[in-house]
């Protein structure tokens, strides 16, 4: 963030999304939302530390019996942020499928919007993939949500 004012604006805009940040029960809805997701964010975001809609959708999808098939479809058809959520989901649900998909993502240099707390930034996809590969996000999804 270049200015404190911009950080406040980002936090306020996130809080404005709070009513839409509710867990989706329909797996197709969660999958469709992840396919269009434009920000990769895990853990608490915004001033209130709420769960991002992308994380909520991924959590809902991981509970489905056909989660692996949906995640593999997202790897091919989703936005870059959605693909990162799918890759992370495969890491947790089907390690062989994750290992097979991983090499294609290690060299991706496209930029993805990320959100860490109140800080929104652009990061290269391969850097986020390294974090996924090192297990940096595993605990965010395996612990109980607030």
N, C-alpha and C. Protein backbone atom coordinates (compact mmCIF):
# COMPACT_ATOMS: atom_id res chain seq x y z
N UNK A 1 0.85 -1.17 0.00
CA UNK A 1 0.00 0.00 0.00
C UNK A 1 0.89 1.23 0.00
N UNK A 2 0.56 2.17 -0.82
CA UNK A 2 1.37 3.36 -0.90
C UNK A 2 0.92 4.43 0.09
N UNK A 3 -0.34 4.37 0.51
CA UNK A 3 -0.79 5.38 1.46
C UNK A 3 -1.74 4.77 2.47
N UNK A 4 -1.76 5.31 3.69
CA UNK A 4 -2.71 4.81 4.69
C UNK A 4 -4.14 5.00 4.24
N UNK A 5 -4.40 6.08 3.50
CA UNK A 5 -5.76 6.34 3.01
C UNK A 5 -6.24 5.21 2.12
N UNK A 6 -5.37 4.73 1.23
CA UNK A 6 -5.73 3.64 0.32
C UNK A 6 -6.02 2.37 1.11
N UNK A 7 -5.27 2.11 2.16
CA UNK A 7 -5.51 0.93 3.00
C UNK A 7 -6.88 1.02 3.65
N UNK A 8 -7.26 2.19 4.11
CA UNK A 8 -8.56 2.39 4.73
C UNK A 8 -9.67 2.17 3.70
N UNK A 9 -9.48 2.69 2.50
CA UNK A 9 -10.48 2.51 1.44
C UNK A 9 -10.66 1.04 1.12
N UNK A 10 -9.56 0.29 1.03
CA UNK A 10 -9.65 -1.14 0.74
C UNK A 10 -10.40 -1.85 1.85
N UNK A 11 -10.10 -1.53 3.10
CA UNK A 11 -10.78 -2.17 4.23
C UNK A 11 -12.26 -1.84 4.25
N UNK A 12 -12.61 -0.60 3.97
CA UNK A 12 -14.02 -0.21 3.93
C UNK A 12 -14.74 -0.94 2.81
N UNK A 13 -14.10 -1.06 1.66
CA UNK A 13 -14.76 -1.76 0.55
C UNK A 13 -14.97 -3.24 0.87
N UNK A 14 -14.05 -3.83 1.62
CA UNK A 14 -14.20 -5.23 2.01
C UNK A 14 -15.36 -5.37 2.99
N UNK A 15 -15.45 -4.45 3.93
CA UNK A 15 -16.55 -4.50 4.89
C UNK A 15 -17.89 -4.35 4.19
N UNK A 16 -17.92 -3.60 3.10
CA UNK A 16 -19.15 -3.46 2.32
C UNK A 16 -19.60 -4.76 1.70
N UNK A 17 -18.67 -5.71 1.56
CA UNK A 17 -19.00 -7.01 0.99
C UNK A 17 -19.48 -7.98 2.06
N UNK A 18 -19.40 -7.63 3.33
CA UNK A 18 -19.70 -8.55 4.42
C UNK A 18 -21.04 -9.25 4.27
N UNK A 19 -22.14 -8.59 3.87
CA UNK A 19 -23.39 -9.32 3.73
C UNK A 19 -23.32 -10.43 2.68
N UNK A 20 -22.47 -10.27 1.68
CA UNK A 20 -22.40 -11.29 0.64
C UNK A 20 -21.42 -12.41 1.01
N UNK A 21 -20.75 -12.29 2.14
CA UNK A 21 -19.78 -13.31 2.54
C UNK A 21 -20.47 -14.30 3.47
N UNK A 22 -21.31 -15.13 2.93
CA UNK A 22 -21.98 -16.20 3.67
C UNK A 22 -21.69 -17.51 2.97
N UNK A 23 -21.53 -18.57 3.74
CA UNK A 23 -21.24 -19.88 3.16
C UNK A 23 -22.35 -20.30 2.20
N UNK A 24 -21.95 -20.79 1.05
CA UNK A 24 -22.91 -21.26 0.06
C UNK A 24 -23.08 -22.75 0.23
N UNK A 25 -24.32 -23.20 0.28
CA UNK A 25 -24.57 -24.62 0.49
C UNK A 25 -24.57 -25.40 -0.82
N UNK A 26 -24.82 -24.75 -1.90
CA UNK A 26 -24.90 -25.42 -3.19
C UNK A 26 -23.50 -25.51 -3.80
N UNK A 27 -22.99 -26.72 -3.99
CA UNK A 27 -21.64 -26.91 -4.51
C UNK A 27 -21.48 -26.32 -5.90
N UNK A 28 -22.51 -26.40 -6.72
CA UNK A 28 -22.41 -25.81 -8.06
C UNK A 28 -22.24 -24.31 -7.96
N UNK A 29 -22.94 -23.70 -7.03
CA UNK A 29 -22.81 -22.26 -6.82
C UNK A 29 -21.39 -21.93 -6.35
N UNK A 30 -20.86 -22.72 -5.43
CA UNK A 30 -19.50 -22.50 -4.94
C UNK A 30 -18.50 -22.66 -6.07
N UNK A 31 -18.66 -23.69 -6.88
CA UNK A 31 -17.75 -23.92 -8.00
C UNK A 31 -17.84 -22.79 -9.02
N UNK A 32 -19.05 -22.36 -9.32
CA UNK A 32 -19.24 -21.27 -10.28
C UNK A 32 -18.64 -19.98 -9.75
N UNK A 33 -18.79 -19.72 -8.46
CA UNK A 33 -18.20 -18.52 -7.86
C UNK A 33 -16.68 -18.58 -7.91
N UNK A 34 -16.11 -19.73 -7.60
CA UNK A 34 -14.65 -19.87 -7.66
C UNK A 34 -14.14 -19.68 -9.08
N UNK A 35 -14.90 -20.12 -10.06
CA UNK A 35 -14.47 -19.97 -11.45
C UNK A 35 -14.33 -18.50 -11.83
N UNK A 36 -15.10 -17.64 -11.18
CA UNK A 36 -15.08 -16.21 -11.49
C UNK A 36 -14.29 -15.38 -10.48
N UNK A 37 -13.78 -16.02 -9.45
CA UNK A 37 -13.09 -15.29 -8.38
C UNK A 37 -11.92 -14.49 -8.93
N UNK A 38 -11.80 -13.25 -8.47
CA UNK A 38 -10.70 -12.42 -8.98
C UNK A 38 -9.65 -12.08 -7.92
N UNK A 39 -9.84 -12.58 -6.69
CA UNK A 39 -8.87 -12.32 -5.62
C UNK A 39 -8.61 -13.61 -4.85
N UNK A 40 -7.36 -13.87 -4.59
CA UNK A 40 -6.97 -15.03 -3.78
C UNK A 40 -6.73 -14.53 -2.36
N UNK A 41 -7.54 -15.02 -1.41
CA UNK A 41 -7.44 -14.55 -0.04
C UNK A 41 -7.85 -15.65 0.92
N UNK A 42 -6.97 -15.98 1.84
CA UNK A 42 -7.26 -16.96 2.88
C UNK A 42 -6.94 -16.35 4.23
N UNK A 43 -7.64 -16.82 5.25
CA UNK A 43 -7.48 -16.24 6.56
C UNK A 43 -8.38 -15.01 6.66
N UNK A 44 -8.33 -14.32 7.73
CA UNK A 44 -9.18 -13.16 7.92
C UNK A 44 -8.78 -12.01 7.01
N UNK A 45 -9.78 -11.37 6.43
CA UNK A 45 -9.53 -10.21 5.59
C UNK A 45 -10.37 -9.03 6.08
N UNK A 46 -9.89 -7.85 5.79
CA UNK A 46 -10.59 -6.65 6.21
C UNK A 46 -10.36 -6.37 7.68
N UNK A 47 -10.91 -5.25 8.13
CA UNK A 47 -10.75 -4.83 9.51
C UNK A 47 -11.31 -5.86 10.48
N UNK A 48 -12.44 -6.46 10.11
CA UNK A 48 -13.09 -7.43 10.99
C UNK A 48 -12.50 -8.82 10.89
N UNK A 49 -11.59 -9.04 9.95
CA UNK A 49 -10.97 -10.36 9.81
C UNK A 49 -11.93 -11.43 9.35
N UNK A 50 -12.88 -11.07 8.48
CA UNK A 50 -13.86 -12.03 8.00
C UNK A 50 -13.25 -12.96 6.95
N UNK A 51 -13.89 -14.09 6.76
CA UNK A 51 -13.44 -15.05 5.77
C UNK A 51 -13.83 -14.57 4.37
N UNK A 52 -12.91 -14.67 3.44
CA UNK A 52 -13.20 -14.24 2.06
C UNK A 52 -14.24 -15.16 1.43
N UNK A 53 -14.93 -14.64 0.44
CA UNK A 53 -15.93 -15.46 -0.27
C UNK A 53 -15.25 -16.62 -0.98
N UNK A 54 -14.03 -16.41 -1.50
CA UNK A 54 -13.30 -17.49 -2.16
C UNK A 54 -12.99 -18.63 -1.21
N UNK A 55 -12.57 -18.29 0.00
CA UNK A 55 -12.29 -19.33 1.00
C UNK A 55 -13.57 -20.06 1.38
N UNK A 56 -14.65 -19.32 1.55
CA UNK A 56 -15.92 -19.95 1.89
C UNK A 56 -16.36 -20.91 0.79
N UNK A 57 -16.22 -20.48 -0.46
CA UNK A 57 -16.60 -21.34 -1.57
C UNK A 57 -15.73 -22.59 -1.62
N UNK A 58 -14.43 -22.43 -1.41
CA UNK A 58 -13.54 -23.59 -1.43
C UNK A 58 -13.89 -24.55 -0.29
N UNK A 59 -14.15 -24.03 0.89
CA UNK A 59 -14.54 -24.89 2.01
C UNK A 59 -15.82 -25.68 1.69
N UNK A 60 -16.79 -25.00 1.08
CA UNK A 60 -18.04 -25.68 0.71
C UNK A 60 -17.77 -26.76 -0.31
N UNK A 61 -16.95 -26.45 -1.30
CA UNK A 61 -16.64 -27.41 -2.36
C UNK A 61 -15.89 -28.62 -1.82
N UNK A 62 -14.98 -28.41 -0.88
CA UNK A 62 -14.20 -29.52 -0.33
C UNK A 62 -15.06 -30.53 0.42
N UNK A 63 -16.25 -30.14 0.84
CA UNK A 63 -17.14 -31.05 1.56
C UNK A 63 -17.94 -31.96 0.62
N UNK A 64 -17.90 -31.68 -0.66
CA UNK A 64 -18.68 -32.44 -1.64
C UNK A 64 -18.00 -33.74 -2.02
N UNK A 65 -18.80 -34.76 -2.30
CA UNK A 65 -18.27 -36.07 -2.70
C UNK A 65 -17.48 -35.98 -4.00
N UNK A 66 -17.90 -35.11 -4.92
CA UNK A 66 -17.23 -34.98 -6.21
C UNK A 66 -16.29 -33.77 -6.25
N UNK A 67 -15.75 -33.39 -5.11
CA UNK A 67 -14.90 -32.21 -5.03
C UNK A 67 -13.70 -32.31 -5.96
N UNK A 68 -13.06 -33.45 -6.03
CA UNK A 68 -11.85 -33.59 -6.85
C UNK A 68 -12.16 -33.32 -8.31
N UNK A 69 -13.27 -33.84 -8.81
CA UNK A 69 -13.64 -33.61 -10.20
C UNK A 69 -13.92 -32.13 -10.45
N UNK A 70 -14.61 -31.50 -9.50
CA UNK A 70 -14.91 -30.07 -9.66
C UNK A 70 -13.63 -29.23 -9.60
N UNK A 71 -12.72 -29.59 -8.72
CA UNK A 71 -11.46 -28.87 -8.62
C UNK A 71 -10.63 -29.02 -9.89
N UNK A 72 -10.60 -30.23 -10.44
CA UNK A 72 -9.86 -30.44 -11.68
C UNK A 72 -10.46 -29.63 -12.83
N UNK A 73 -11.77 -29.52 -12.85
CA UNK A 73 -12.43 -28.70 -13.87
C UNK A 73 -12.06 -27.22 -13.69
N UNK A 74 -12.01 -26.78 -12.45
CA UNK A 74 -11.64 -25.39 -12.18
C UNK A 74 -10.20 -25.10 -12.61
N UNK A 75 -9.32 -26.07 -12.49
CA UNK A 75 -7.94 -25.86 -12.93
C UNK A 75 -7.87 -25.47 -14.40
N UNK A 76 -8.80 -25.98 -15.18
CA UNK A 76 -8.82 -25.73 -16.62
C UNK A 76 -9.65 -24.51 -17.00
N UNK A 77 -10.71 -24.23 -16.25
CA UNK A 77 -11.70 -23.27 -16.71
C UNK A 77 -11.85 -22.02 -15.86
N UNK A 78 -11.20 -21.94 -14.73
CA UNK A 78 -11.41 -20.82 -13.82
C UNK A 78 -10.46 -19.66 -14.11
N UNK A 79 -10.76 -18.55 -13.50
CA UNK A 79 -9.86 -17.39 -13.50
C UNK A 79 -8.56 -17.82 -12.80
N UNK A 80 -7.49 -17.05 -12.95
CA UNK A 80 -6.25 -17.41 -12.26
C UNK A 80 -6.43 -17.57 -10.74
N UNK A 81 -7.17 -16.68 -10.10
CA UNK A 81 -7.40 -16.82 -8.66
C UNK A 81 -8.18 -18.09 -8.37
N UNK A 82 -9.18 -18.39 -9.18
CA UNK A 82 -9.95 -19.62 -9.03
C UNK A 82 -9.09 -20.85 -9.21
N UNK A 83 -8.14 -20.78 -10.14
CA UNK A 83 -7.23 -21.90 -10.34
C UNK A 83 -6.35 -22.13 -9.11
N UNK A 84 -5.94 -21.05 -8.47
CA UNK A 84 -5.14 -21.20 -7.25
C UNK A 84 -5.94 -21.85 -6.13
N UNK A 85 -7.20 -21.43 -5.98
CA UNK A 85 -8.05 -22.09 -4.99
C UNK A 85 -8.19 -23.58 -5.32
N UNK A 86 -8.37 -23.90 -6.60
CA UNK A 86 -8.53 -25.30 -7.01
C UNK A 86 -7.25 -26.10 -6.74
N UNK A 87 -6.11 -25.51 -7.03
CA UNK A 87 -4.84 -26.19 -6.78
C UNK A 87 -4.67 -26.47 -5.28
N UNK A 88 -4.99 -25.49 -4.47
CA UNK A 88 -4.92 -25.67 -3.02
C UNK A 88 -5.90 -26.75 -2.57
N UNK A 89 -7.10 -26.74 -3.12
CA UNK A 89 -8.08 -27.77 -2.77
C UNK A 89 -7.61 -29.16 -3.12
N UNK A 90 -6.98 -29.30 -4.28
CA UNK A 90 -6.45 -30.61 -4.67
C UNK A 90 -5.34 -31.04 -3.72
N UNK A 91 -4.53 -30.12 -3.28
CA UNK A 91 -3.45 -30.45 -2.33
C UNK A 91 -4.04 -31.09 -1.08
N UNK A 92 -5.19 -30.60 -0.66
CA UNK A 92 -5.80 -31.11 0.57
C UNK A 92 -6.63 -32.37 0.36
N UNK A 93 -7.23 -32.53 -0.83
CA UNK A 93 -8.15 -33.64 -1.05
C UNK A 93 -7.56 -34.81 -1.83
N UNK A 94 -6.64 -34.56 -2.76
CA UNK A 94 -6.13 -35.63 -3.62
C UNK A 94 -4.69 -35.30 -4.01
N UNK A 95 -3.76 -35.72 -3.17
CA UNK A 95 -2.36 -35.36 -3.39
C UNK A 95 -1.82 -35.84 -4.73
N UNK A 96 -2.15 -37.04 -5.22
CA UNK A 96 -1.66 -37.44 -6.55
C UNK A 96 -2.17 -36.51 -7.67
N UNK A 97 -3.42 -36.10 -7.61
CA UNK A 97 -3.96 -35.17 -8.62
C UNK A 97 -3.27 -33.81 -8.50
N UNK A 98 -3.01 -33.39 -7.29
CA UNK A 98 -2.28 -32.14 -7.06
C UNK A 98 -0.87 -32.23 -7.64
N UNK A 99 -0.17 -33.33 -7.33
CA UNK A 99 1.20 -33.52 -7.84
C UNK A 99 1.23 -33.51 -9.36
N UNK A 100 0.19 -34.04 -9.98
CA UNK A 100 0.13 -34.07 -11.45
C UNK A 100 -0.12 -32.67 -12.02
N UNK A 101 -0.92 -31.87 -11.34
CA UNK A 101 -1.26 -30.52 -11.84
C UNK A 101 -0.16 -29.50 -11.54
N UNK A 102 0.58 -29.70 -10.48
CA UNK A 102 1.54 -28.72 -9.98
C UNK A 102 2.56 -28.21 -11.01
N UNK A 103 3.21 -29.06 -11.80
CA UNK A 103 4.25 -28.56 -12.71
C UNK A 103 3.77 -27.46 -13.67
N UNK A 104 2.55 -27.54 -14.14
CA UNK A 104 2.04 -26.54 -15.07
C UNK A 104 1.88 -25.17 -14.40
N UNK A 105 1.75 -25.16 -13.08
CA UNK A 105 1.54 -23.90 -12.36
C UNK A 105 2.83 -23.29 -11.83
N UNK A 106 3.87 -24.08 -11.73
CA UNK A 106 5.15 -23.58 -11.19
C UNK A 106 5.77 -22.48 -12.04
N UNK A 107 5.45 -22.44 -13.32
CA UNK A 107 6.08 -21.47 -14.22
C UNK A 107 5.13 -20.35 -14.65
N UNK A 108 3.96 -20.28 -14.04
CA UNK A 108 2.99 -19.23 -14.40
C UNK A 108 3.44 -17.90 -13.81
N UNK A 109 3.59 -16.90 -14.66
CA UNK A 109 4.04 -15.59 -14.18
C UNK A 109 2.94 -14.53 -14.23
N UNK A 110 1.70 -14.92 -14.58
CA UNK A 110 0.63 -13.93 -14.58
C UNK A 110 0.38 -13.45 -13.16
N UNK A 111 -0.07 -12.21 -13.05
CA UNK A 111 -0.31 -11.63 -11.74
C UNK A 111 -1.74 -11.86 -11.27
N UNK A 112 -1.87 -12.06 -9.97
CA UNK A 112 -3.16 -12.33 -9.35
C UNK A 112 -3.32 -11.34 -8.19
N UNK A 113 -4.52 -10.80 -8.04
CA UNK A 113 -4.80 -9.96 -6.88
C UNK A 113 -4.89 -10.84 -5.66
N UNK A 114 -4.23 -10.43 -4.59
CA UNK A 114 -4.29 -11.16 -3.33
C UNK A 114 -4.69 -10.19 -2.23
N UNK A 115 -5.22 -10.73 -1.18
CA UNK A 115 -5.62 -9.92 -0.04
C UNK A 115 -5.11 -10.59 1.22
N UNK A 116 -4.32 -9.86 1.98
CA UNK A 116 -3.76 -10.33 3.25
C UNK A 116 -4.20 -9.31 4.30
N UNK A 117 -5.17 -9.67 5.10
CA UNK A 117 -5.73 -8.71 6.05
C UNK A 117 -6.40 -7.59 5.27
N UNK A 118 -5.90 -6.39 5.42
CA UNK A 118 -6.43 -5.22 4.69
C UNK A 118 -5.56 -4.85 3.49
N UNK A 119 -4.52 -5.60 3.24
CA UNK A 119 -3.57 -5.25 2.19
C UNK A 119 -3.89 -6.01 0.92
N UNK A 120 -4.26 -5.26 -0.12
CA UNK A 120 -4.50 -5.86 -1.42
C UNK A 120 -3.28 -5.56 -2.29
N UNK A 121 -2.82 -6.58 -2.99
CA UNK A 121 -1.67 -6.39 -3.87
C UNK A 121 -1.76 -7.36 -5.04
N UNK A 122 -0.87 -7.19 -5.97
CA UNK A 122 -0.72 -8.11 -7.09
C UNK A 122 0.52 -8.95 -6.81
N UNK A 123 0.36 -10.26 -7.00
CA UNK A 123 1.49 -11.16 -6.83
C UNK A 123 1.57 -12.09 -8.04
N UNK A 124 2.77 -12.50 -8.35
CA UNK A 124 2.94 -13.44 -9.45
C UNK A 124 2.43 -14.81 -9.02
N UNK A 125 1.78 -15.45 -9.98
CA UNK A 125 1.14 -16.73 -9.69
C UNK A 125 2.14 -17.77 -9.20
N UNK A 126 3.33 -17.82 -9.81
CA UNK A 126 4.30 -18.83 -9.40
C UNK A 126 4.75 -18.64 -7.95
N UNK A 127 4.75 -17.41 -7.45
CA UNK A 127 5.11 -17.16 -6.06
C UNK A 127 4.03 -17.71 -5.13
N UNK A 128 2.78 -17.54 -5.50
CA UNK A 128 1.68 -18.08 -4.68
C UNK A 128 1.70 -19.61 -4.73
N UNK A 129 2.01 -20.15 -5.90
CA UNK A 129 2.09 -21.61 -6.04
C UNK A 129 3.18 -22.16 -5.12
N UNK A 130 4.30 -21.46 -4.99
CA UNK A 130 5.36 -21.91 -4.07
C UNK A 130 4.84 -21.93 -2.64
N UNK A 131 4.03 -20.94 -2.28
CA UNK A 131 3.46 -20.91 -0.93
C UNK A 131 2.50 -22.09 -0.73
N UNK A 132 1.70 -22.37 -1.74
CA UNK A 132 0.80 -23.53 -1.67
C UNK A 132 1.62 -24.81 -1.54
N UNK A 133 2.66 -24.91 -2.36
CA UNK A 133 3.52 -26.09 -2.36
C UNK A 133 4.20 -26.32 -1.00
N UNK A 134 4.56 -25.24 -0.33
CA UNK A 134 5.20 -25.35 0.98
C UNK A 134 4.21 -25.54 2.12
N UNK A 135 2.92 -25.56 1.79
CA UNK A 135 1.91 -25.80 2.82
C UNK A 135 1.52 -24.57 3.61
N UNK A 136 1.88 -23.38 3.12
CA UNK A 136 1.61 -22.15 3.87
C UNK A 136 0.12 -21.89 4.12
N UNK A 137 -0.75 -22.43 3.27
CA UNK A 137 -2.18 -22.18 3.41
C UNK A 137 -2.95 -23.36 4.00
N UNK A 138 -2.28 -24.47 4.23
CA UNK A 138 -2.97 -25.67 4.71
C UNK A 138 -3.74 -25.42 6.00
N UNK A 139 -3.10 -24.76 6.96
CA UNK A 139 -3.76 -24.56 8.25
C UNK A 139 -4.95 -23.61 8.15
N UNK A 140 -4.91 -22.69 7.19
CA UNK A 140 -6.05 -21.78 7.01
C UNK A 140 -7.31 -22.57 6.70
N UNK A 141 -7.19 -23.64 5.95
CA UNK A 141 -8.36 -24.41 5.55
C UNK A 141 -8.66 -25.59 6.45
N UNK A 142 -7.72 -26.01 7.26
CA UNK A 142 -7.99 -27.16 8.11
C UNK A 142 -8.48 -26.77 9.50
N UNK A 143 -8.30 -25.52 9.86
CA UNK A 143 -8.84 -25.08 11.17
C UNK A 143 -10.29 -24.66 11.01
N UNK A 144 -11.02 -24.71 12.10
CA UNK A 144 -12.42 -24.31 12.09
C UNK A 144 -12.53 -22.83 11.79
N UNK A 145 -13.51 -22.46 10.95
CA UNK A 145 -13.69 -21.04 10.67
C UNK A 145 -14.25 -20.33 11.90
N UNK A 146 -14.00 -19.03 11.93
CA UNK A 146 -14.54 -18.23 13.04
C UNK A 146 -16.01 -18.07 12.90
